[in-house]
């Protein structure tokens, strides 16, 4: 199992962004849904490394989040509320979110095998870097491409030329995103 514990960065100087983040993540399939644990922190339980990767991308797009991923066993049966869960994955997620708060690319992965967890963490940090550094124009271009449109259709929707759309996608590293997502997903699966 995977447990993701997420904490809002700089929350004392910002508004509460937990409801916005939980709403943005609501379509992601989880074993136990995103649940506020305390203050500006929330948590979810995953079985799918692909769904976990999707959640990482959404949080990276939203911005100010420290993401901790714990990999391991959980006590069964899982309680109805995520925050009442127990087990190694929950404990490791707590360690990971603390580590993520100190990292320049705020995601950390802790698992039973430090080597495979470290590889998954490196890939996840690359994904956060790739997605998090996009300009607003780059984010808009990527959003349109995710709707399975052609570049020409996406450019028309945004009111830009196809050449400008191509430049935005290149600057946003759109062409690396899918490969990086697949790498993160595979390495998280290997770390399980």
N, C-alpha and C. Protein backbone atom coordinates (compact mmCIF):
# COMPACT_ATOMS: atom_id res chain seq x y z
N UNK A 1 0.84 -1.19 0.00
CA UNK A 1 0.00 0.00 0.00
C UNK A 1 0.88 1.24 0.00
N UNK A 2 0.28 2.31 -0.45
CA UNK A 2 0.92 3.62 -0.43
C UNK A 2 0.07 4.56 0.40
N UNK A 3 0.70 5.32 1.26
CA UNK A 3 0.02 6.37 2.00
C UNK A 3 0.68 7.69 1.63
N UNK A 4 -0.14 8.65 1.22
CA UNK A 4 0.36 9.99 0.90
C UNK A 4 -0.09 10.94 2.00
N UNK A 5 0.88 11.58 2.63
CA UNK A 5 0.59 12.63 3.60
C UNK A 5 1.08 13.93 2.99
N UNK A 6 0.21 14.90 2.93
CA UNK A 6 0.51 16.16 2.25
C UNK A 6 0.30 17.32 3.22
N UNK A 7 1.26 18.24 3.23
CA UNK A 7 1.22 19.37 4.14
C UNK A 7 1.39 20.67 3.35
N UNK A 8 0.58 21.66 3.66
CA UNK A 8 0.65 22.95 2.97
C UNK A 8 1.90 23.69 3.43
N UNK A 9 2.69 24.13 2.46
CA UNK A 9 3.89 24.90 2.76
C UNK A 9 3.51 26.35 3.04
N UNK A 10 4.26 26.96 3.95
CA UNK A 10 4.06 28.37 4.31
C UNK A 10 2.61 28.66 4.70
N UNK A 11 1.97 27.73 5.38
CA UNK A 11 0.55 27.87 5.70
C UNK A 11 0.27 29.00 6.69
N UNK A 12 1.23 29.36 7.49
CA UNK A 12 0.99 30.43 8.46
C UNK A 12 0.88 31.80 7.79
N UNK A 13 1.43 31.90 6.58
CA UNK A 13 1.38 33.17 5.85
C UNK A 13 0.41 33.12 4.67
N UNK A 14 -0.41 32.08 4.61
CA UNK A 14 -1.28 31.88 3.46
C UNK A 14 -2.66 31.45 3.95
N UNK A 15 -3.62 31.43 3.04
CA UNK A 15 -4.96 30.94 3.36
C UNK A 15 -4.94 29.42 3.39
N UNK A 16 -5.97 28.84 3.96
CA UNK A 16 -6.11 27.39 4.01
C UNK A 16 -6.42 26.88 2.60
N UNK A 17 -5.50 26.13 2.02
CA UNK A 17 -5.67 25.62 0.66
C UNK A 17 -6.06 24.13 0.63
N UNK A 18 -6.30 23.54 1.79
CA UNK A 18 -6.65 22.12 1.83
C UNK A 18 -7.95 21.83 1.08
N UNK A 19 -9.04 22.59 1.29
CA UNK A 19 -10.27 22.27 0.55
C UNK A 19 -10.08 22.31 -0.97
N UNK A 20 -9.32 23.29 -1.47
CA UNK A 20 -9.05 23.40 -2.91
C UNK A 20 -8.27 22.18 -3.40
N UNK A 21 -7.27 21.76 -2.65
CA UNK A 21 -6.45 20.61 -3.06
C UNK A 21 -7.27 19.32 -3.03
N UNK A 22 -8.03 19.12 -1.97
CA UNK A 22 -8.85 17.91 -1.86
C UNK A 22 -9.86 17.87 -3.01
N UNK A 23 -10.45 19.00 -3.35
CA UNK A 23 -11.40 19.04 -4.47
C UNK A 23 -10.69 18.70 -5.78
N UNK A 24 -9.48 19.23 -5.99
CA UNK A 24 -8.74 18.95 -7.22
C UNK A 24 -8.36 17.48 -7.34
N UNK A 25 -8.19 16.81 -6.20
CA UNK A 25 -7.79 15.41 -6.17
C UNK A 25 -8.97 14.44 -6.11
N UNK A 26 -10.18 14.93 -6.07
CA UNK A 26 -11.35 14.09 -5.80
C UNK A 26 -11.59 13.00 -6.84
N UNK A 27 -11.13 13.18 -8.07
CA UNK A 27 -11.36 12.16 -9.11
C UNK A 27 -10.29 11.07 -9.10
N UNK A 28 -9.25 11.22 -8.30
CA UNK A 28 -8.17 10.23 -8.24
C UNK A 28 -8.68 9.01 -7.45
N UNK A 29 -8.55 7.80 -8.01
CA UNK A 29 -9.00 6.61 -7.28
C UNK A 29 -8.07 6.28 -6.10
N UNK A 30 -8.67 6.12 -4.93
CA UNK A 30 -7.93 5.80 -3.71
C UNK A 30 -8.62 4.63 -2.99
N UNK A 31 -7.89 4.02 -2.08
CA UNK A 31 -8.48 3.00 -1.21
C UNK A 31 -9.22 3.68 -0.06
N UNK A 32 -8.62 4.72 0.48
CA UNK A 32 -9.25 5.61 1.45
C UNK A 32 -9.02 7.03 0.97
N UNK A 33 -10.09 7.79 0.88
CA UNK A 33 -10.04 9.10 0.24
C UNK A 33 -9.24 10.12 1.03
N UNK A 34 -8.96 11.23 0.36
CA UNK A 34 -8.22 12.32 0.97
C UNK A 34 -9.00 12.85 2.16
N UNK A 35 -8.32 12.93 3.28
CA UNK A 35 -8.95 13.27 4.54
C UNK A 35 -8.01 14.20 5.30
N UNK A 36 -8.53 15.33 5.78
CA UNK A 36 -7.72 16.24 6.58
C UNK A 36 -7.33 15.53 7.87
N UNK A 37 -6.05 15.55 8.18
CA UNK A 37 -5.58 14.88 9.39
C UNK A 37 -5.40 15.87 10.53
N UNK A 38 -4.84 17.03 10.25
CA UNK A 38 -4.65 18.06 11.26
C UNK A 38 -4.26 19.35 10.57
N UNK A 39 -4.86 20.44 10.99
CA UNK A 39 -4.48 21.74 10.46
C UNK A 39 -4.49 21.80 8.95
N UNK A 40 -3.30 21.98 8.38
CA UNK A 40 -3.16 22.15 6.92
C UNK A 40 -2.60 20.89 6.26
N UNK A 41 -2.92 19.74 6.82
CA UNK A 41 -2.39 18.48 6.33
C UNK A 41 -3.54 17.55 5.98
N UNK A 42 -3.32 16.72 4.93
CA UNK A 42 -4.32 15.71 4.59
C UNK A 42 -3.62 14.46 4.09
N UNK A 43 -4.38 13.37 4.02
CA UNK A 43 -3.79 12.05 3.78
C UNK A 43 -4.76 11.19 2.97
N UNK A 44 -4.19 10.23 2.20
CA UNK A 44 -5.00 9.26 1.47
C UNK A 44 -4.22 7.95 1.37
N UNK A 45 -4.94 6.87 1.11
CA UNK A 45 -4.34 5.54 0.94
C UNK A 45 -4.57 5.09 -0.50
N UNK A 46 -3.51 4.61 -1.13
CA UNK A 46 -3.55 4.17 -2.53
C UNK A 46 -3.11 2.72 -2.64
N UNK A 47 -3.65 2.06 -3.64
CA UNK A 47 -3.14 0.75 -4.04
C UNK A 47 -2.46 0.85 -5.40
N UNK A 48 -2.82 1.88 -6.18
CA UNK A 48 -2.33 2.03 -7.55
C UNK A 48 -1.20 3.06 -7.61
N UNK A 49 0.00 2.63 -8.06
CA UNK A 49 1.08 3.62 -8.23
C UNK A 49 0.76 4.65 -9.31
N UNK A 50 -0.04 4.29 -10.31
CA UNK A 50 -0.43 5.24 -11.35
C UNK A 50 -1.32 6.34 -10.79
N UNK A 51 -2.26 5.98 -9.94
CA UNK A 51 -3.13 6.98 -9.32
C UNK A 51 -2.30 7.89 -8.40
N UNK A 52 -1.35 7.32 -7.71
CA UNK A 52 -0.46 8.10 -6.85
C UNK A 52 0.35 9.10 -7.68
N UNK A 53 0.83 8.68 -8.82
CA UNK A 53 1.57 9.57 -9.72
C UNK A 53 0.68 10.71 -10.19
N UNK A 54 -0.57 10.40 -10.53
CA UNK A 54 -1.52 11.44 -10.94
C UNK A 54 -1.71 12.47 -9.83
N UNK A 55 -1.80 12.00 -8.59
CA UNK A 55 -1.96 12.90 -7.44
C UNK A 55 -0.73 13.80 -7.28
N UNK A 56 0.45 13.25 -7.48
CA UNK A 56 1.69 14.04 -7.39
C UNK A 56 1.64 15.18 -8.41
N UNK A 57 1.22 14.88 -9.64
CA UNK A 57 1.16 15.90 -10.69
C UNK A 57 0.18 17.00 -10.31
N UNK A 58 -0.99 16.64 -9.84
CA UNK A 58 -1.98 17.65 -9.46
C UNK A 58 -1.44 18.55 -8.35
N UNK A 59 -0.83 17.95 -7.34
CA UNK A 59 -0.28 18.76 -6.24
C UNK A 59 0.86 19.65 -6.72
N UNK A 60 1.69 19.14 -7.62
CA UNK A 60 2.78 19.96 -8.17
C UNK A 60 2.22 21.15 -8.94
N UNK A 61 1.11 20.95 -9.64
CA UNK A 61 0.48 22.04 -10.37
C UNK A 61 -0.12 23.08 -9.42
N UNK A 62 -0.65 22.62 -8.30
CA UNK A 62 -1.26 23.54 -7.33
C UNK A 62 -0.22 24.36 -6.59
N UNK A 63 0.97 23.80 -6.42
CA UNK A 63 2.06 24.58 -5.87
C UNK A 63 2.53 24.27 -4.47
N UNK A 64 1.97 24.90 -3.46
CA UNK A 64 2.64 24.93 -2.14
C UNK A 64 2.41 23.69 -1.26
N UNK A 65 2.84 22.52 -1.73
CA UNK A 65 2.60 21.30 -0.95
C UNK A 65 3.88 20.52 -0.73
N UNK A 66 4.05 20.01 0.48
CA UNK A 66 5.09 19.03 0.79
C UNK A 66 4.40 17.67 0.73
N UNK A 67 4.96 16.74 -0.06
CA UNK A 67 4.31 15.46 -0.32
C UNK A 67 5.17 14.34 0.25
N UNK A 68 4.60 13.60 1.18
CA UNK A 68 5.29 12.44 1.75
C UNK A 68 4.58 11.17 1.33
N UNK A 69 5.36 10.21 0.83
CA UNK A 69 4.79 8.93 0.39
C UNK A 69 5.43 7.82 1.21
N UNK A 70 4.58 7.10 1.92
CA UNK A 70 5.02 5.94 2.69
C UNK A 70 4.57 4.67 2.00
N UNK A 71 5.48 3.71 1.92
CA UNK A 71 5.18 2.45 1.25
C UNK A 71 5.33 1.32 2.25
N UNK A 72 4.33 0.46 2.32
CA UNK A 72 4.41 -0.68 3.24
C UNK A 72 3.03 -1.22 3.57
N UNK A 73 3.01 -2.02 4.61
CA UNK A 73 1.76 -2.64 5.06
C UNK A 73 0.92 -1.64 5.84
N UNK A 74 -0.39 -1.91 5.86
CA UNK A 74 -1.32 -1.16 6.70
C UNK A 74 -2.14 -2.18 7.49
N UNK A 75 -2.58 -1.77 8.66
CA UNK A 75 -3.42 -2.66 9.46
C UNK A 75 -4.78 -2.79 8.80
N UNK A 76 -5.26 -4.03 8.74
CA UNK A 76 -6.56 -4.34 8.13
C UNK A 76 -7.52 -4.78 9.22
N UNK A 77 -8.77 -4.53 9.08
CA UNK A 77 -9.37 -3.75 8.01
C UNK A 77 -9.05 -2.26 8.19
N UNK A 78 -8.96 -1.57 7.06
CA UNK A 78 -8.72 -0.13 7.12
C UNK A 78 -9.93 0.55 7.74
N UNK A 79 -9.70 1.53 8.60
CA UNK A 79 -10.83 2.27 9.16
C UNK A 79 -11.52 3.11 8.08
N UNK A 80 -12.71 3.55 8.36
CA UNK A 80 -13.46 4.37 7.41
C UNK A 80 -12.74 5.67 7.11
N UNK A 81 -12.20 6.31 8.13
CA UNK A 81 -11.49 7.56 7.95
C UNK A 81 -9.99 7.30 7.80
N UNK A 82 -9.41 7.91 6.81
CA UNK A 82 -8.00 7.72 6.52
C UNK A 82 -7.13 8.03 7.72
N UNK A 83 -7.42 9.12 8.41
CA UNK A 83 -6.56 9.57 9.51
C UNK A 83 -6.50 8.59 10.68
N UNK A 84 -7.41 7.62 10.73
CA UNK A 84 -7.41 6.62 11.80
C UNK A 84 -6.58 5.39 11.42
N UNK A 85 -6.00 5.37 10.22
CA UNK A 85 -5.22 4.23 9.77
C UNK A 85 -3.91 4.06 10.53
N UNK A 86 -3.44 2.82 10.52
CA UNK A 86 -2.18 2.49 11.20
C UNK A 86 -1.39 1.51 10.36
N UNK A 87 -0.10 1.42 10.62
CA UNK A 87 0.76 0.49 9.93
C UNK A 87 2.00 1.17 9.40
N UNK A 88 2.89 0.37 8.85
CA UNK A 88 4.19 0.86 8.38
C UNK A 88 4.06 1.95 7.33
N UNK A 89 3.11 1.82 6.40
CA UNK A 89 2.95 2.83 5.35
C UNK A 89 2.58 4.18 5.94
N UNK A 90 1.74 4.20 6.97
CA UNK A 90 1.36 5.45 7.63
C UNK A 90 2.56 6.06 8.36
N UNK A 91 3.30 5.22 9.06
CA UNK A 91 4.48 5.71 9.78
C UNK A 91 5.53 6.27 8.81
N UNK A 92 5.73 5.58 7.71
CA UNK A 92 6.71 6.03 6.71
C UNK A 92 6.25 7.31 6.01
N UNK A 93 4.95 7.46 5.79
CA UNK A 93 4.43 8.69 5.19
C UNK A 93 4.69 9.88 6.10
N UNK A 94 4.60 9.68 7.40
CA UNK A 94 4.88 10.76 8.37
C UNK A 94 6.35 11.17 8.27
N UNK A 95 7.25 10.19 8.21
CA UNK A 95 8.68 10.48 8.06
C UNK A 95 8.91 11.19 6.73
N UNK A 96 8.27 10.70 5.67
CA UNK A 96 8.48 11.25 4.32
C UNK A 96 8.01 12.70 4.23
N UNK A 97 6.86 13.03 4.80
CA UNK A 97 6.39 14.42 4.69
C UNK A 97 7.31 15.36 5.47
N UNK A 98 7.87 14.89 6.56
CA UNK A 98 8.84 15.69 7.30
C UNK A 98 10.09 15.91 6.46
N UNK A 99 10.55 14.86 5.79
CA UNK A 99 11.71 14.98 4.89
C UNK A 99 11.40 15.93 3.73
N UNK A 100 10.20 15.83 3.18
CA UNK A 100 9.80 16.65 2.04
C UNK A 100 9.81 18.14 2.38
N UNK A 101 9.48 18.47 3.62
CA UNK A 101 9.45 19.87 4.04
C UNK A 101 10.83 20.51 3.95
N UNK A 102 11.87 19.71 4.05
CA UNK A 102 13.24 20.23 3.99
C UNK A 102 13.86 20.13 2.60
N UNK A 103 13.16 19.52 1.67
CA UNK A 103 13.73 19.27 0.34
C UNK A 103 13.42 20.43 -0.61
N UNK A 104 14.35 20.75 -1.53
CA UNK A 104 14.07 21.82 -2.49
C UNK A 104 12.94 21.48 -3.45
N UNK A 105 12.77 20.21 -3.77
CA UNK A 105 11.65 19.74 -4.57
C UNK A 105 10.84 18.87 -3.62
N UNK A 106 9.77 19.42 -3.06
CA UNK A 106 9.15 18.91 -1.84
C UNK A 106 8.34 17.63 -1.97
N UNK A 107 9.03 16.55 -2.29
CA UNK A 107 8.40 15.24 -2.27
C UNK A 107 9.46 14.26 -1.74
N UNK A 108 9.00 13.33 -0.90
CA UNK A 108 9.91 12.32 -0.36
C UNK A 108 9.17 10.98 -0.33
N UNK A 109 9.95 9.91 -0.52
CA UNK A 109 9.40 8.55 -0.53
C UNK A 109 10.19 7.72 0.47
N UNK A 110 9.47 7.03 1.36
CA UNK A 110 10.10 6.16 2.34
C UNK A 110 9.43 4.79 2.24
N UNK A 111 10.26 3.76 2.07
CA UNK A 111 9.76 2.39 1.97
C UNK A 111 10.67 1.44 2.72
N UNK A 112 10.32 0.16 2.70
CA UNK A 112 11.10 -0.85 3.40
C UNK A 112 12.50 -1.01 2.80
N UNK A 113 12.61 -0.87 1.48
CA UNK A 113 13.90 -0.96 0.80
C UNK A 113 14.36 0.45 0.45
N UNK A 114 15.34 0.99 1.20
CA UNK A 114 15.77 2.37 0.96
C UNK A 114 16.24 2.63 -0.47
N UNK A 115 16.85 1.65 -1.12
CA UNK A 115 17.38 1.87 -2.47
C UNK A 115 16.26 2.07 -3.49
N UNK A 116 15.24 1.22 -3.47
CA UNK A 116 14.15 1.39 -4.43
C UNK A 116 13.31 2.62 -4.09
N UNK A 117 13.14 2.90 -2.79
CA UNK A 117 12.40 4.10 -2.40
C UNK A 117 13.14 5.36 -2.85
N UNK A 118 14.46 5.34 -2.75
CA UNK A 118 15.26 6.48 -3.18
C UNK A 118 15.14 6.72 -4.68
N UNK A 119 15.13 5.64 -5.45
CA UNK A 119 14.96 5.78 -6.90
C UNK A 119 13.59 6.37 -7.24
N UNK A 120 12.55 5.88 -6.57
CA UNK A 120 11.20 6.42 -6.79
C UNK A 120 11.15 7.89 -6.37
N UNK A 121 11.81 8.22 -5.28
CA UNK A 121 11.84 9.61 -4.81
C UNK A 121 12.51 10.53 -5.83
N UNK A 122 13.64 10.10 -6.37
CA UNK A 122 14.34 10.91 -7.37
C UNK A 122 13.46 11.18 -8.58
N UNK A 123 12.79 10.13 -9.07
CA UNK A 123 11.90 10.29 -10.22
C UNK A 123 10.73 11.21 -9.87
N UNK A 124 10.16 11.06 -8.68
CA UNK A 124 9.04 11.91 -8.27
C UNK A 124 9.49 13.37 -8.16
N UNK A 125 10.69 13.59 -7.66
CA UNK A 125 11.20 14.96 -7.57
C UNK A 125 11.40 15.56 -8.96
N UNK A 126 11.86 14.75 -9.90
CA UNK A 126 11.99 15.24 -11.28
C UNK A 126 10.62 15.63 -11.84
N UNK A 127 9.62 14.82 -11.55
CA UNK A 127 8.27 15.12 -12.03
C UNK A 127 7.75 16.41 -11.40
N UNK A 128 7.96 16.59 -10.10
CA UNK A 128 7.53 17.81 -9.42
C UNK A 128 8.26 19.03 -10.00
N UNK A 129 9.54 18.89 -10.26
CA UNK A 129 10.32 19.97 -10.87
C UNK A 129 9.76 20.31 -12.26
N UNK A 130 9.55 19.29 -13.06
CA UNK A 130 9.06 19.45 -14.42
C UNK A 130 7.72 20.18 -14.45
N UNK A 131 6.79 19.74 -13.62
CA UNK A 131 5.44 20.29 -13.61
C UNK A 131 5.37 21.62 -12.86
N UNK A 132 6.08 21.70 -11.75
CA UNK A 132 5.98 22.87 -10.88
C UNK A 132 6.59 24.14 -11.44
N UNK A 133 7.52 24.02 -12.37
CA UNK A 133 8.19 25.21 -12.89
C UNK A 133 7.54 25.77 -14.15
N UNK A 134 6.40 25.26 -14.52
CA UNK A 134 5.72 25.77 -15.72
C UNK A 134 5.15 27.15 -15.49
N UNK A 135 5.20 27.96 -16.53
CA UNK A 135 4.55 29.26 -16.48
C UNK A 135 3.04 29.05 -16.58
N UNK A 136 2.27 30.10 -16.32
CA UNK A 136 0.82 29.99 -16.45
C UNK A 136 0.44 29.68 -17.90
N UNK A 137 1.16 30.28 -18.86
CA UNK A 137 0.89 30.00 -20.28
C UNK A 137 1.20 28.53 -20.59
N UNK A 138 2.27 28.00 -20.01
CA UNK A 138 2.62 26.60 -20.20
C UNK A 138 1.58 25.68 -19.58
N UNK A 139 1.09 26.04 -18.40
CA UNK A 139 0.05 25.23 -17.75
C UNK A 139 -1.23 25.21 -18.57
N UNK A 140 -1.58 26.36 -19.12
CA UNK A 140 -2.79 26.43 -19.96
C UNK A 140 -2.63 25.56 -21.20
N UNK A 141 -1.46 25.60 -21.81
CA UNK A 141 -1.20 24.78 -23.01
C UNK A 141 -1.28 23.30 -22.68
N UNK A 142 -0.69 22.90 -21.56
CA UNK A 142 -0.72 21.49 -21.14
C UNK A 142 -2.15 21.06 -20.82
N UNK A 143 -2.90 21.92 -20.13
CA UNK A 143 -4.31 21.58 -19.83
C UNK A 143 -5.09 21.29 -21.10
N UNK A 144 -4.87 22.09 -22.12
CA UNK A 144 -5.58 21.87 -23.39
C UNK A 144 -5.14 20.56 -24.04
N UNK A 145 -3.85 20.25 -23.98
CA UNK A 145 -3.36 19.01 -24.59
C UNK A 145 -3.87 17.78 -23.83
N UNK A 146 -4.05 17.91 -22.52
CA UNK A 146 -4.59 16.79 -21.74
C UNK A 146 -6.03 16.48 -22.10
N UNK A 147 -6.69 17.39 -22.73
CA UNK A 147 -8.07 17.16 -23.18
C UNK A 147 -8.10 16.39 -24.49
N UNK A 148 -6.94 15.84 -24.86
CA UNK A 148 -6.78 15.01 -26.06
C UNK A 148 -7.13 15.77 -27.33
N UNK A 149 -6.67 16.97 -27.38
CA UNK A 149 -6.83 17.79 -28.57
C UNK A 149 -5.54 17.76 -29.37
N UNK A 150 -5.67 18.12 -30.62
CA UNK A 150 -4.46 18.31 -31.42
C UNK A 150 -3.85 19.65 -31.01
N UNK A 151 -2.59 19.85 -31.39
CA UNK A 151 -1.96 21.12 -31.08
C UNK A 151 -2.70 22.27 -31.74
N UNK A 152 -3.16 22.05 -32.96
CA UNK A 152 -3.90 23.11 -33.67
C UNK A 152 -5.21 23.45 -32.96
N UNK A 153 -5.93 22.43 -32.50
CA UNK A 153 -7.17 22.67 -31.77
C UNK A 153 -6.90 23.40 -30.46
N UNK A 154 -5.87 22.96 -29.76
CA UNK A 154 -5.51 23.60 -28.48
C UNK A 154 -5.09 25.04 -28.70
N UNK A 155 -4.33 25.29 -29.76
CA UNK A 155 -3.89 26.66 -30.08
C UNK A 155 -5.10 27.54 -30.36
N UNK A 156 -6.05 27.03 -31.13
CA UNK A 156 -7.25 27.81 -31.44
C UNK A 156 -8.05 28.13 -30.18
N UNK A 157 -8.16 27.17 -29.28
CA UNK A 157 -8.87 27.39 -28.02
C UNK A 157 -8.21 28.49 -27.20
N UNK A 158 -6.88 28.51 -27.21
CA UNK A 158 -6.14 29.51 -26.44
C UNK A 158 -5.98 30.82 -27.19
N UNK A 159 -6.34 30.83 -28.46
CA UNK A 159 -6.21 32.05 -29.25
C UNK A 159 -4.79 32.40 -29.62
N UNK A 160 -3.97 31.34 -29.84
CA UNK A 160 -2.58 31.55 -30.24
C UNK A 160 -2.31 30.80 -31.53
N UNK A 161 -1.20 31.10 -32.17
CA UNK A 161 -0.84 30.39 -33.39
C UNK A 161 -0.34 28.99 -33.05
N UNK A 162 -0.37 28.07 -34.01
CA UNK A 162 0.20 26.74 -33.76
C UNK A 162 1.69 26.81 -33.38
N UNK A 163 2.41 27.76 -33.95
CA UNK A 163 3.83 27.91 -33.62
C UNK A 163 4.00 28.35 -32.16
N UNK A 164 3.15 29.28 -31.72
CA UNK A 164 3.21 29.73 -30.32
C UNK A 164 2.84 28.59 -29.38
N UNK A 165 1.87 27.78 -29.79
CA UNK A 165 1.47 26.62 -28.98
C UNK A 165 2.64 25.65 -28.85
N UNK A 166 3.31 25.39 -29.95
CA UNK A 166 4.46 24.50 -29.93
C UNK A 166 5.55 25.03 -29.00
N UNK A 167 5.79 26.33 -29.04
CA UNK A 167 6.80 26.94 -28.16
C UNK A 167 6.40 26.82 -26.70
N UNK A 168 5.13 27.03 -26.41
CA UNK A 168 4.65 26.91 -25.02
C UNK A 168 4.81 25.50 -24.51
N UNK A 169 4.45 24.53 -25.34
CA UNK A 169 4.57 23.12 -24.93
C UNK A 169 6.03 22.73 -24.73
N UNK A 170 6.91 23.23 -25.59
CA UNK A 170 8.33 22.93 -25.45
C UNK A 170 8.88 23.55 -24.16
N UNK A 171 8.54 24.81 -23.90
CA UNK A 171 8.99 25.48 -22.69
C UNK A 171 8.43 24.80 -21.43
N UNK A 172 7.23 24.22 -21.53
CA UNK A 172 6.59 23.54 -20.41
C UNK A 172 7.07 22.10 -20.25
N UNK A 173 7.95 21.65 -21.13
CA UNK A 173 8.45 20.26 -21.10
C UNK A 173 7.32 19.23 -21.20
N UNK A 174 6.28 19.58 -21.94
CA UNK A 174 5.16 18.68 -22.15
C UNK A 174 5.61 17.33 -22.70
N UNK A 175 6.60 17.36 -23.56
CA UNK A 175 7.04 16.14 -24.24
C UNK A 175 7.76 15.18 -23.30
N UNK A 176 8.21 15.66 -22.15
CA UNK A 176 8.86 14.79 -21.16
C UNK A 176 7.88 14.28 -20.10
N UNK A 177 6.73 14.92 -19.99
CA UNK A 177 5.84 14.59 -18.88
C UNK A 177 5.39 13.13 -18.89
N UNK A 178 4.91 12.63 -20.00
CA UNK A 178 4.38 11.27 -20.03
C UNK A 178 5.46 10.25 -19.69
N UNK A 179 6.65 10.40 -20.25
CA UNK A 179 7.75 9.48 -19.94
C UNK A 179 8.11 9.54 -18.46
N UNK A 180 8.13 10.75 -17.90
CA UNK A 180 8.48 10.91 -16.49
C UNK A 180 7.39 10.31 -15.60
N UNK A 181 6.14 10.49 -15.97
CA UNK A 181 5.04 9.86 -15.22
C UNK A 181 5.20 8.33 -15.21
N UNK A 182 5.48 7.77 -16.39
CA UNK A 182 5.64 6.31 -16.47
C UNK A 182 6.81 5.83 -15.61
N UNK A 183 7.90 6.60 -15.59
CA UNK A 183 9.06 6.25 -14.77
C UNK A 183 8.70 6.28 -13.29
N UNK A 184 8.02 7.32 -12.85
CA UNK A 184 7.62 7.42 -11.44
C UNK A 184 6.72 6.24 -11.08
N UNK A 185 5.74 5.96 -11.92
CA UNK A 185 4.80 4.87 -11.65
C UNK A 185 5.53 3.53 -11.55
N UNK A 186 6.44 3.27 -12.48
CA UNK A 186 7.17 2.00 -12.45
C UNK A 186 8.05 1.89 -11.21
N UNK A 187 8.73 2.96 -10.85
CA UNK A 187 9.62 2.92 -9.68
C UNK A 187 8.84 2.83 -8.38
N UNK A 188 7.67 3.45 -8.30
CA UNK A 188 6.83 3.29 -7.12
C UNK A 188 6.34 1.84 -7.01
N UNK A 189 5.97 1.24 -8.14
CA UNK A 189 5.55 -0.17 -8.14
C UNK A 189 6.69 -1.06 -7.69
N UNK A 190 7.90 -0.78 -8.16
CA UNK A 190 9.07 -1.57 -7.76
C UNK A 190 9.37 -1.43 -6.27
N UNK A 191 9.07 -0.26 -5.70
CA UNK A 191 9.36 0.00 -4.29
C UNK A 191 8.32 -0.60 -3.35
N UNK A 192 7.23 -1.07 -3.93
CA UNK A 192 6.14 -1.62 -3.11
C UNK A 192 6.56 -2.87 -2.39
